[in-house]
Amino acid sequence: MGKNSSDSASTERRKFERIDIAFSKQVLVFDGKGKKVGTLRQLGRGGFMMQPEKLYPRDSKVHVFVIHEQEEDIQVRINAKVRYSDPRTTGFEFVNLDAESAVEVGIIIGKYYEAQQTRL
């Protein structure tokens, strides 16, 4: 395999890894106690981005969240830490994502990946 085929594969993988989710879909993010903390805007195999209700500082704290995809009624409990934060969006990296949660994240990614392809 030449360098170009490898670059192409990683570009394709990156496109699939981060799926944009329209605000109108209202995929909500809750804290571990069930309080709404934001709206999911992007989801990938390694983490997610949301529009938060409050500012999350970029520190080493591990947060517990539940991502709730209402149409499929999928609720994924995850641990994540802040990787990026500004007043409008916060990006999180999953921490110790278990196999069951990874499958559920994959189902949500697949659903919105298909929707994204039909818009193109």
Protein backbone atom coordinates (compact mmCIF):
# COMPACT_ATOMS: atom_id res chain seq x y z
CA MET A 1 0.00 0.00 0.00
CA GLY A 2 1.27 3.44 -0.90
CA LYS A 3 1.07 6.49 1.27
CA ASN A 4 -1.97 7.84 -0.62
CA SER A 5 -4.17 4.83 0.10
CA SER A 6 -3.31 5.07 3.80
CA ASP A 7 -4.08 8.81 3.88
CA SER A 8 -7.37 8.19 2.12
CA ALA A 9 -8.33 5.48 4.61
CA SER A 10 -7.57 7.68 7.60
CA THR A 11 -9.57 10.55 6.05
CA GLU A 12 -12.54 8.23 5.53
CA ARG A 13 -12.23 6.90 9.06
CA ARG A 14 -12.14 10.45 10.48
CA LYS A 15 -15.30 11.37 8.54
CA PHE A 16 -17.07 8.39 10.04
CA GLU A 17 -15.67 8.92 13.52
CA ARG A 18 -17.17 12.39 14.00
CA ILE A 19 -20.79 12.69 13.06
CA ASP A 20 -22.57 16.03 13.31
CA ILE A 21 -25.94 15.91 15.03
CA ALA A 22 -28.44 18.67 14.34
CA PHE A 23 -29.58 20.67 17.35
CA SER A 24 -33.16 20.04 16.14
CA LYS A 25 -32.74 16.29 16.84
CA GLN A 26 -32.50 17.10 20.56
CA VAL A 27 -30.13 14.30 21.52
CA LEU A 28 -29.71 15.34 25.14
CA VAL A 29 -26.86 14.90 27.59
CA PHE A 30 -27.61 14.44 31.30
CA ASP A 31 -25.32 14.24 34.30
CA GLY A 32 -25.14 11.11 36.45
CA LYS A 33 -28.07 12.37 38.56
CA GLY A 34 -30.40 12.87 35.58
CA LYS A 35 -30.10 16.66 35.23
CA LYS A 36 -29.89 17.99 31.64
CA VAL A 37 -26.43 19.45 31.08
CA GLY A 38 -26.40 19.96 27.30
CA THR A 39 -27.38 19.05 23.77
CA LEU A 40 -25.22 16.66 21.74
CA ARG A 41 -23.75 18.23 18.58
CA GLN A 42 -21.08 15.75 17.51
CA LEU A 43 -20.40 12.12 18.35
CA GLY A 44 -17.44 9.90 17.58
CA ARG A 45 -15.83 6.69 18.67
CA GLY A 46 -13.49 8.56 20.99
CA GLY A 47 -15.78 11.21 22.44
CA PHE A 48 -18.42 13.84 21.83
CA MET A 49 -19.12 17.55 21.66
CA MET A 50 -22.12 19.25 23.20
CA GLN A 51 -23.64 22.67 23.64
CA PRO A 52 -23.46 22.83 27.43
CA GLU A 53 -25.85 24.45 29.86
CA LYS A 54 -22.81 25.66 31.84
CA LEU A 55 -19.11 26.12 31.20
CA TYR A 56 -16.92 23.07 31.79
CA PRO A 57 -13.30 23.95 32.61
CA ARG A 58 -10.55 22.01 30.91
CA ASP A 59 -9.20 20.00 33.82
CA SER A 60 -8.52 16.36 34.65
CA LYS A 61 -11.92 15.70 36.29
CA VAL A 62 -13.83 12.69 34.96
CA HIS A 63 -17.54 13.46 34.50
CA VAL A 64 -20.39 10.94 34.38
CA PHE A 65 -22.92 11.56 31.61
CA VAL A 66 -25.90 9.86 30.02
CA ILE A 67 -26.43 10.49 26.31
CA HIS A 68 -30.11 10.01 25.49
CA GLU A 69 -31.07 9.45 21.86
CA GLN A 70 -34.85 9.80 22.12
CA GLU A 71 -36.01 8.39 18.76
CA GLU A 72 -34.37 5.01 19.44
CA ASP A 73 -34.65 5.43 23.23
CA ILE A 74 -30.96 4.68 23.69
CA GLN A 75 -29.43 5.85 26.96
CA VAL A 76 -25.65 5.47 27.11
CA ARG A 77 -23.92 6.03 30.45
CA ILE A 78 -20.37 7.19 29.89
CA ASN A 79 -17.40 8.68 31.70
CA ALA A 80 -15.59 11.53 29.97
CA LYS A 81 -13.12 14.33 30.54
CA VAL A 82 -12.95 17.76 28.93
CA ARG A 83 -10.59 18.08 25.96
CA TYR A 84 -11.87 21.41 24.59
CA SER A 85 -14.06 24.12 26.08
CA ASP A 86 -15.38 27.50 25.03
CA PRO A 87 -18.65 29.29 25.95
CA ARG A 88 -20.57 27.63 23.08
CA THR A 89 -19.27 24.06 22.90
CA THR A 90 -17.39 21.56 25.02
CA GLY A 91 -15.55 18.54 23.64
CA PHE A 92 -15.13 15.44 25.77
CA GLU A 93 -13.01 12.31 25.45
CA PHE A 94 -14.50 9.02 26.64
CA VAL A 95 -12.73 7.46 29.63
CA ASN A 96 -12.80 3.65 29.98
CA LEU A 97 -15.76 3.15 27.62
CA ASP A 98 -17.08 -0.36 28.21
CA ALA A 99 -18.08 -2.70 25.38
CA GLU A 100 -21.84 -2.31 25.82
CA SER A 101 -21.64 1.49 25.82
CA ALA A 102 -19.32 1.41 22.80
CA VAL A 103 -21.92 -0.61 20.88
CA GLU A 104 -24.67 1.87 21.80
CA VAL A 105 -22.47 4.82 20.76
CA GLY A 106 -21.86 2.97 17.48
CA ILE A 107 -25.60 2.57 16.90
CA ILE A 108 -26.15 6.32 17.36
CA ILE A 109 -23.18 7.13 15.08
CA GLY A 110 -24.58 4.77 12.44
CA LYS A 111 -28.02 6.35 12.57
CA TYR A 112 -26.75 9.91 12.12
CA TYR A 113 -24.08 8.84 9.61
CA GLU A 114 -26.87 7.50 7.37
CA ALA A 115 -28.90 10.70 7.81
CA GLN A 116 -25.86 12.80 6.97
CA GLN A 117 -25.25 10.82 3.76
CA THR A 118 -28.81 11.32 2.52
CA ARG A 119 -28.46 15.12 2.93
CA LEU A 120 -25.37 15.27 0.70
